[in-house]
Amino acid sequence: MKMIDGKPEYKGALDVLGSVIRKEGFFSLWKGFTPYYMRLGPHTVLTFIFLEQMNLMYKKHVLGDSSAKGGGL
């Protein structure tokens, strides 16, 4: 953080957040790796959970394997 006249440029995290929103707009908070990861992380996890459940249903109902367990191929 830059020091301006011996004082820090920002007072804290909320000051940084407010300054970024004022200067660049609200949607600037969605730029960069961290917001990208925070958006995509839950999507990826839910996709794999859904895939696992679909594989389980396929094994039970299409292949007729009553002892089928979730996960894996």
PDB file of N, CA and C in Angstrom:
ATOM      1  N   MET A   1       0.855  -1.171   0.000  1.00  0.00           N
ATOM      2  CA  MET A   1       0.000   0.000   0.000  1.00  0.00           C
ATOM      3  C   MET A   1       0.900   1.232   0.000  1.00  0.00           C
ATOM      4  N   LYS A   2       0.490   2.214  -0.768  1.00  0.00           N
ATOM      5  CA  LYS A   2       1.265   3.452  -0.837  1.00  0.00           C
ATOM      6  C   LYS A   2       1.053   4.279   0.423  1.00  0.00           C
ATOM      7  N   MET A   3       2.097   5.015   0.758  1.00  0.00           N
ATOM      8  CA  MET A   3       2.000   5.965   1.868  1.00  0.00           C
ATOM      9  C   MET A   3       1.922   7.358   1.263  1.00  0.00           C
ATOM     10  N   ILE A   4       0.918   8.118   1.623  1.00  0.00           N
ATOM     11  CA  ILE A   4       0.737   9.474   1.132  1.00  0.00           C
ATOM     12  C   ILE A   4       0.869  10.420   2.318  1.00  0.00           C
ATOM     13  N   ASP A   5       1.897  11.247   2.290  1.00  0.00           N
ATOM     14  CA  ASP A   5       2.194  12.178   3.385  1.00  0.00           C
ATOM     15  C   ASP A   5       2.316  11.456   4.723  1.00  0.00           C
ATOM     16  N   GLY A   6       2.918  10.283   4.709  1.00  0.00           N
ATOM     17  CA  GLY A   6       3.139   9.521   5.934  1.00  0.00           C
ATOM     18  C   GLY A   6       1.922   8.757   6.414  1.00  0.00           C
ATOM     19  N   LYS A   7       0.839   8.798   5.677  1.00  0.00           N
ATOM     20  CA  LYS A   7      -0.381   8.079   6.066  1.00  0.00           C
ATOM     21  C   LYS A   7      -0.686   7.031   5.007  1.00  0.00           C
ATOM     22  N   PRO A   8      -1.276   5.900   5.396  1.00  0.00           N
ATOM     23  CA  PRO A   8      -1.643   4.879   4.402  1.00  0.00           C
ATOM     24  C   PRO A   8      -2.701   5.404   3.435  1.00  0.00           C
ATOM     25  N   GLU A   9      -2.658   4.884   2.222  1.00  0.00           N
ATOM     26  CA  GLU A   9      -3.591   5.321   1.179  1.00  0.00           C
ATOM     27  C   GLU A   9      -5.044   4.983   1.541  1.00  0.00           C
ATOM     28  N   TYR A  10      -5.257   3.844   2.166  1.00  0.00           N
ATOM     29  CA  TYR A  10      -6.602   3.396   2.541  1.00  0.00           C
ATOM     30  C   TYR A  10      -6.683   3.176   4.040  1.00  0.00           C
ATOM     31  N   LYS A  11      -7.895   3.271   4.581  1.00  0.00           N
ATOM     32  CA  LYS A  11      -8.103   3.074   6.015  1.00  0.00           C
ATOM     33  C   LYS A  11      -8.345   1.616   6.368  1.00  0.00           C
ATOM     34  N   GLY A  12      -8.839   0.845   5.412  1.00  0.00           N
ATOM     35  CA  GLY A  12      -9.124  -0.558   5.670  1.00  0.00           C
ATOM     36  C   GLY A  12      -9.736  -1.213   4.450  1.00  0.00           C
ATOM     37  N   ALA A  13     -10.183  -2.447   4.632  1.00  0.00           N
ATOM     38  CA  ALA A  13     -10.725  -3.231   3.521  1.00  0.00           C
ATOM     39  C   ALA A  13     -11.990  -2.596   2.949  1.00  0.00           C
ATOM     40  N   LEU A  14     -12.851  -2.072   3.792  1.00  0.00           N
ATOM     41  CA  LEU A  14     -14.089  -1.456   3.309  1.00  0.00           C
ATOM     42  C   LEU A  14     -13.791  -0.180   2.530  1.00  0.00           C
ATOM     43  N   ASP A  15     -12.762   0.551   2.944  1.00  0.00           N
ATOM     44  CA  ASP A  15     -12.356   1.746   2.214  1.00  0.00           C
ATOM     45  C   ASP A  15     -11.847   1.383   0.822  1.00  0.00           C
ATOM     46  N   VAL A  16     -11.085   0.305   0.725  1.00  0.00           N
ATOM     47  CA  VAL A  16     -10.596  -0.174  -0.574  1.00  0.00           C
ATOM     48  C   VAL A  16     -11.782  -0.575  -1.448  1.00  0.00           C
ATOM     49  N   LEU A  17     -12.693  -1.331  -0.893  1.00  0.00           N
ATOM     50  CA  LEU A  17     -13.874  -1.787  -1.625  1.00  0.00           C
ATOM     51  C   LEU A  17     -14.690  -0.607  -2.157  1.00  0.00           C
ATOM     52  N   GLY A  18     -14.949   0.352  -1.301  1.00  0.00           N
ATOM     53  CA  GLY A  18     -15.709   1.532  -1.707  1.00  0.00           C
ATOM     54  C   GLY A  18     -14.993   2.330  -2.779  1.00  0.00           C
ATOM     55  N   SER A  19     -13.694   2.468  -2.639  1.00  0.00           N
ATOM     56  CA  SER A  19     -12.905   3.217  -3.619  1.00  0.00           C
ATOM     57  C   SER A  19     -12.915   2.539  -4.983  1.00  0.00           C
ATOM     58  N   VAL A  20     -12.774   1.221  -5.004  1.00  0.00           N
ATOM     59  CA  VAL A  20     -12.789   0.478  -6.265  1.00  0.00           C
ATOM     60  C   VAL A  20     -14.147   0.614  -6.936  1.00  0.00           C
ATOM     61  N   ILE A  21     -15.213   0.502  -6.177  1.00  0.00           N
ATOM     62  CA  ILE A  21     -16.558   0.617  -6.740  1.00  0.00           C
ATOM     63  C   ILE A  21     -16.784   2.022  -7.297  1.00  0.00           C
ATOM     64  N   ARG A  22     -16.327   3.053  -6.575  1.00  0.00           N
ATOM     65  CA  ARG A  22     -16.499   4.425  -7.055  1.00  0.00           C
ATOM     66  C   ARG A  22     -15.707   4.684  -8.334  1.00  0.00           C
ATOM     67  N   LYS A  23     -14.470   4.199  -8.384  1.00  0.00           N
ATOM     68  CA  LYS A  23     -13.590   4.500  -9.521  1.00  0.00           C
ATOM     69  C   LYS A  23     -13.875   3.632 -10.742  1.00  0.00           C
ATOM     70  N   GLU A  24     -14.148   2.341 -10.529  1.00  0.00           N
ATOM     71  CA  GLU A  24     -14.243   1.406 -11.651  1.00  0.00           C
ATOM     72  C   GLU A  24     -15.636   0.829 -11.867  1.00  0.00           C
ATOM     73  N   GLY A  25     -16.532   1.029 -10.915  1.00  0.00           N
ATOM     74  CA  GLY A  25     -17.884   0.489 -11.040  1.00  0.00           C
ATOM     75  C   GLY A  25     -18.040  -0.823 -10.279  1.00  0.00           C
ATOM     76  N   PHE A  26     -19.286  -1.158  -9.997  1.00  0.00           N
ATOM     77  CA  PHE A  26     -19.608  -2.338  -9.189  1.00  0.00           C
ATOM     78  C   PHE A  26     -19.104  -3.632  -9.817  1.00  0.00           C
ATOM     79  N   PHE A  27     -19.245  -3.758 -11.148  1.00  0.00           N
ATOM     80  CA  PHE A  27     -18.898  -5.008 -11.804  1.00  0.00           C
ATOM     81  C   PHE A  27     -17.397  -5.229 -11.926  1.00  0.00           C
ATOM     82  N   SER A  28     -16.608  -4.249 -11.537  1.00  0.00           N
ATOM     83  CA  SER A  28     -15.152  -4.452 -11.528  1.00  0.00           C
ATOM     84  C   SER A  28     -14.755  -5.472 -10.457  1.00  0.00           C
ATOM     85  N   LEU A  29     -15.652  -5.726  -9.514  1.00  0.00           N
ATOM     86  CA  LEU A  29     -15.369  -6.718  -8.475  1.00  0.00           C
ATOM     87  C   LEU A  29     -15.376  -8.138  -9.029  1.00  0.00           C
ATOM     88  N   TRP A  30     -15.874  -8.311 -10.262  1.00  0.00           N
ATOM     89  CA  TRP A  30     -15.935  -9.632 -10.889  1.00  0.00           C
ATOM     90  C   TRP A  30     -14.762  -9.885 -11.836  1.00  0.00           C
ATOM     91  N   LYS A  31     -13.722  -9.055 -11.780  1.00  0.00           N
ATOM     92  CA  LYS A  31     -12.539  -9.227 -12.623  1.00  0.00           C
ATOM     93  C   LYS A  31     -11.456  -9.949 -11.830  1.00  0.00           C
ATOM     94  N   GLY A  32     -10.652 -10.735 -12.520  1.00  0.00           N
ATOM     95  CA  GLY A  32      -9.490 -11.345 -11.879  1.00  0.00           C
ATOM     96  C   GLY A  32      -9.704 -12.803 -11.532  1.00  0.00           C
ATOM     97  N   PHE A  33      -8.617 -13.418 -11.035  1.00  0.00           N
ATOM     98  CA  PHE A  33      -8.625 -14.855 -10.757  1.00  0.00           C
ATOM     99  C   PHE A  33      -9.523 -15.227  -9.589  1.00  0.00           C
ATOM    100  N   THR A  34      -9.437 -14.503  -8.483  1.00  0.00           N
ATOM    101  CA  THR A  34     -10.201 -14.878  -7.275  1.00  0.00           C
ATOM    102  C   THR A  34     -11.704 -14.856  -7.511  1.00  0.00           C
ATOM    103  N   PRO A  35     -12.281 -13.791  -8.068  1.00  0.00           N
ATOM    104  CA  PRO A  35     -13.728 -13.837  -8.343  1.00  0.00           C
ATOM    105  C   PRO A  35     -14.092 -14.919  -9.343  1.00  0.00           C
ATOM    106  N   TYR A  36     -13.226 -15.131 -10.323  1.00  0.00           N
ATOM    107  CA  TYR A  36     -13.474 -16.180 -11.315  1.00  0.00           C
ATOM    108  C   TYR A  36     -13.536 -17.541 -10.617  1.00  0.00           C
ATOM    109  N   TYR A  37     -12.594 -17.798  -9.734  1.00  0.00           N
ATOM    110  CA  TYR A  37     -12.548 -19.058  -8.997  1.00  0.00           C
ATOM    111  C   TYR A  37     -13.757 -19.196  -8.073  1.00  0.00           C
ATOM    112  N   MET A  38     -14.139 -18.113  -7.424  1.00  0.00           N
ATOM    113  CA  MET A  38     -15.283 -18.158  -6.506  1.00  0.00           C
ATOM    114  C   MET A  38     -16.591 -18.427  -7.254  1.00  0.00           C
ATOM    115  N   ARG A  39     -16.684 -17.966  -8.520  1.00  0.00           N
ATOM    116  CA  ARG A  39     -17.873 -18.249  -9.313  1.00  0.00           C
ATOM    117  C   ARG A  39     -17.850 -19.673  -9.843  1.00  0.00           C
ATOM    118  N   LEU A  40     -16.696 -20.129 -10.306  1.00  0.00           N
ATOM    119  CA  LEU A  40     -16.607 -21.422 -10.965  1.00  0.00           C
ATOM    120  C   LEU A  40     -16.470 -22.593  -9.997  1.00  0.00           C
ATOM    121  N   GLY A  41     -15.924 -22.365  -8.811  1.00  0.00           N
ATOM    122  CA  GLY A  41     -15.718 -23.442  -7.836  1.00  0.00           C
ATOM    123  C   GLY A  41     -16.997 -24.195  -7.500  1.00  0.00           C
ATOM    124  N   PRO A  42     -18.038 -23.504  -7.026  1.00  0.00           N
ATOM    125  CA  PRO A  42     -19.287 -24.205  -6.695  1.00  0.00           C
ATOM    126  C   PRO A  42     -19.919 -24.894  -7.904  1.00  0.00           C
ATOM    127  N   HIS A  43     -19.822 -24.268  -9.066  1.00  0.00           N
ATOM    128  CA  HIS A  43     -20.385 -24.856 -10.283  1.00  0.00           C
ATOM    129  C   HIS A  43     -19.704 -26.191 -10.577  1.00  0.00           C
ATOM    130  N   THR A  44     -18.394 -26.229 -10.454  1.00  0.00           N
ATOM    131  CA  THR A  44     -17.643 -27.451 -10.734  1.00  0.00           C
ATOM    132  C   THR A  44     -17.998 -28.556  -9.740  1.00  0.00           C
ATOM    133  N   VAL A  45     -18.080 -28.210  -8.474  1.00  0.00           N
ATOM    134  CA  VAL A  45     -18.421 -29.196  -7.445  1.00  0.00           C
ATOM    135  C   VAL A  45     -19.813 -29.764  -7.694  1.00  0.00           C
ATOM    136  N   LEU A  46     -20.774 -28.895  -7.967  1.00  0.00           N
ATOM    137  CA  LEU A  46     -22.143 -29.360  -8.206  1.00  0.00           C
ATOM    138  C   LEU A  46     -22.230 -30.209  -9.474  1.00  0.00           C
ATOM    139  N   THR A  47     -21.438 -29.887 -10.481  1.00  0.00           N
ATOM    140  CA  THR A  47     -21.424 -30.679 -11.702  1.00  0.00           C
ATOM    141  C   THR A  47     -20.976 -32.105 -11.417  1.00  0.00           C
ATOM    142  N   PHE A  48     -19.917 -32.256 -10.634  1.00  0.00           N
ATOM    143  CA  PHE A  48     -19.426 -33.601 -10.329  1.00  0.00           C
ATOM    144  C   PHE A  48     -20.368 -34.371  -9.412  1.00  0.00           C
ATOM    145  N   ILE A  49     -21.044 -33.688  -8.495  1.00  0.00           N
ATOM    146  CA  ILE A  49     -22.046 -34.353  -7.650  1.00  0.00           C
ATOM    147  C   ILE A  49     -23.194 -34.852  -8.519  1.00  0.00           C
ATOM    148  N   PHE A  50     -23.668 -34.009  -9.440  1.00  0.00           N
ATOM    149  CA  PHE A  50     -24.737 -34.383 -10.358  1.00  0.00           C
ATOM    150  C   PHE A  50     -24.316 -35.568 -11.225  1.00  0.00           C
ATOM    151  N   LEU A  51     -23.083 -35.539 -11.738  1.00  0.00           N
ATOM    152  CA  LEU A  51     -22.572 -36.627 -12.566  1.00  0.00           C
ATOM    153  C   LEU A  51     -22.540 -37.941 -11.780  1.00  0.00           C
ATOM    154  N   GLU A  52     -22.107 -37.874 -10.541  1.00  0.00           N
ATOM    155  CA  GLU A  52     -22.048 -39.077  -9.711  1.00  0.00           C
ATOM    156  C   GLU A  52     -23.444 -39.663  -9.496  1.00  0.00           C
ATOM    157  N   GLN A  53     -24.424 -38.799  -9.247  1.00  0.00           N
ATOM    158  CA  GLN A  53     -25.793 -39.271  -9.042  1.00  0.00           C
ATOM    159  C   GLN A  53     -26.382 -39.849 -10.335  1.00  0.00           C
ATOM    160  N   MET A  54     -26.057 -39.230 -11.461  1.00  0.00           N
ATOM    161  CA  MET A  54     -26.540 -39.752 -12.745  1.00  0.00           C
ATOM    162  C   MET A  54     -25.922 -41.122 -13.041  1.00  0.00           C
ATOM    163  N   ASN A  55     -24.642 -41.302 -12.734  1.00  0.00           N
ATOM    164  CA  ASN A  55     -24.006 -42.607 -12.920  1.00  0.00           C
ATOM    165  C   ASN A  55     -24.659 -43.666 -12.037  1.00  0.00           C
ATOM    166  N   LEU A  56     -24.977 -43.307 -10.821  1.00  0.00           N
ATOM    167  CA  LEU A  56     -25.637 -44.237  -9.904  1.00  0.00           C
ATOM    168  C   LEU A  56     -27.015 -44.635 -10.433  1.00  0.00           C
ATOM    169  N   MET A  57     -27.795 -43.674 -10.894  1.00  0.00           N
ATOM    170  CA  MET A  57     -29.120 -43.978 -11.437  1.00  0.00           C
ATOM    171  C   MET A  57     -29.012 -44.842 -12.690  1.00  0.00           C
ATOM    172  N   TYR A  58     -28.045 -44.570 -13.534  1.00  0.00           N
ATOM    173  CA  TYR A  58     -27.830 -45.366 -14.743  1.00  0.00           C
ATOM    174  C   TYR A  58     -27.518 -46.813 -14.389  1.00  0.00           C
ATOM    175  N   LYS A  59     -26.627 -46.996 -13.426  1.00  0.00           N
ATOM    176  CA  LYS A  59     -26.256 -48.362 -13.029  1.00  0.00           C
ATOM    177  C   LYS A  59     -27.448 -49.114 -12.444  1.00  0.00           C
ATOM    178  N   LYS A  60     -28.258 -48.416 -11.631  1.00  0.00           N
ATOM    179  CA  LYS A  60     -29.393 -49.073 -10.984  1.00  0.00           C
ATOM    180  C   LYS A  60     -30.542 -49.340 -11.952  1.00  0.00           C
ATOM    181  N   HIS A  61     -30.918 -48.340 -12.742  1.00  0.00           N
ATOM    182  CA  HIS A  61     -32.141 -48.440 -13.530  1.00  0.00           C
ATOM    183  C   HIS A  61     -31.936 -48.951 -14.955  1.00  0.00           C
ATOM    184  N   VAL A  62     -30.806 -48.679 -15.551  1.00  0.00           N
ATOM    185  CA  VAL A  62     -30.577 -49.116 -16.929  1.00  0.00           C
ATOM    186  C   VAL A  62     -29.849 -50.458 -16.952  1.00  0.00           C
ATOM    187  N   LEU A  63     -28.809 -50.568 -16.155  1.00  0.00           N
ATOM    188  CA  LEU A  63     -28.042 -51.808 -16.139  1.00  0.00           C
ATOM    189  C   LEU A  63     -28.626 -52.847 -15.196  1.00  0.00           C
ATOM    190  N   GLY A  64     -29.509 -52.419 -14.302  1.00  0.00           N
ATOM    191  CA  GLY A  64     -30.175 -53.349 -13.383  1.00  0.00           C
ATOM    192  C   GLY A  64     -29.266 -53.849 -12.274  1.00  0.00           C
ATOM    193  N   ASP A  65     -28.230 -53.118 -11.950  1.00  0.00           N
ATOM    194  CA  ASP A  65     -27.304 -53.513 -10.883  1.00  0.00           C
ATOM    195  C   ASP A  65     -27.829 -52.988  -9.558  1.00  0.00           C
ATOM    196  N   SER A  66     -28.483 -53.837  -8.799  1.00  0.00           N
ATOM    197  CA  SER A  66     -29.098 -53.403  -7.537  1.00  0.00           C
ATOM    198  C   SER A  66     -28.063 -53.119  -6.453  1.00  0.00           C
ATOM    199  N   SER A  67     -26.836 -53.631  -6.620  1.00  0.00           N
ATOM    200  CA  SER A  67     -25.800 -53.389  -5.623  1.00  0.00           C
ATOM    201  C   SER A  67     -24.911 -52.212  -6.016  1.00  0.00           C
ATOM    202  N   ALA A  68     -25.346 -51.399  -6.983  1.00  0.00           N
ATOM    203  CA  ALA A  68     -24.539 -50.282  -7.465  1.00  0.00           C
ATOM    204  C   ALA A  68     -24.340 -49.257  -6.359  1.00  0.00           C
ATOM    205  N   LYS A  69     -23.154 -48.732  -6.324  1.00  0.00           N
ATOM    206  CA  LYS A  69     -22.820 -47.659  -5.384  1.00  0.00           C
ATOM    207  C   LYS A  69     -22.366 -46.469  -6.184  1.00  0.00           C
ATOM    208  N   GLY A  70     -22.457 -45.302  -5.574  1.00  0.00           N
ATOM    209  CA  GLY A  70     -22.104 -44.055  -6.276  1.00  0.00           C
ATOM    210  C   GLY A  70     -20.625 -43.959  -6.556  1.00  0.00           C
ATOM    211  N   GLY A  71     -20.294 -43.021  -7.412  1.00  0.00           N
ATOM    212  CA  GLY A  71     -18.910 -42.682  -7.703  1.00  0.00           C
ATOM    213  C   GLY A  71     -18.254 -43.591  -8.715  1.00  0.00           C
ATOM    214  N   GLY A  72     -17.253 -43.051  -9.351  1.00  0.00           N
ATOM    215  CA  GLY A  72     -16.415 -43.810 -10.256  1.00  0.00           C
ATOM    216  C   GLY A  72     -17.150 -44.408 -11.431  1.00  0.00           C
ATOM    217  N   LEU A  73     -16.359 -44.936 -12.335  1.00  0.00           N
ATOM    218  CA  LEU A  73     -16.941 -45.565 -13.512  1.00  0.00           C
ATOM    219  C   LEU A  73     -16.977 -47.056 -13.346  1.00  0.00           C
TER     220      LEU A  73
END
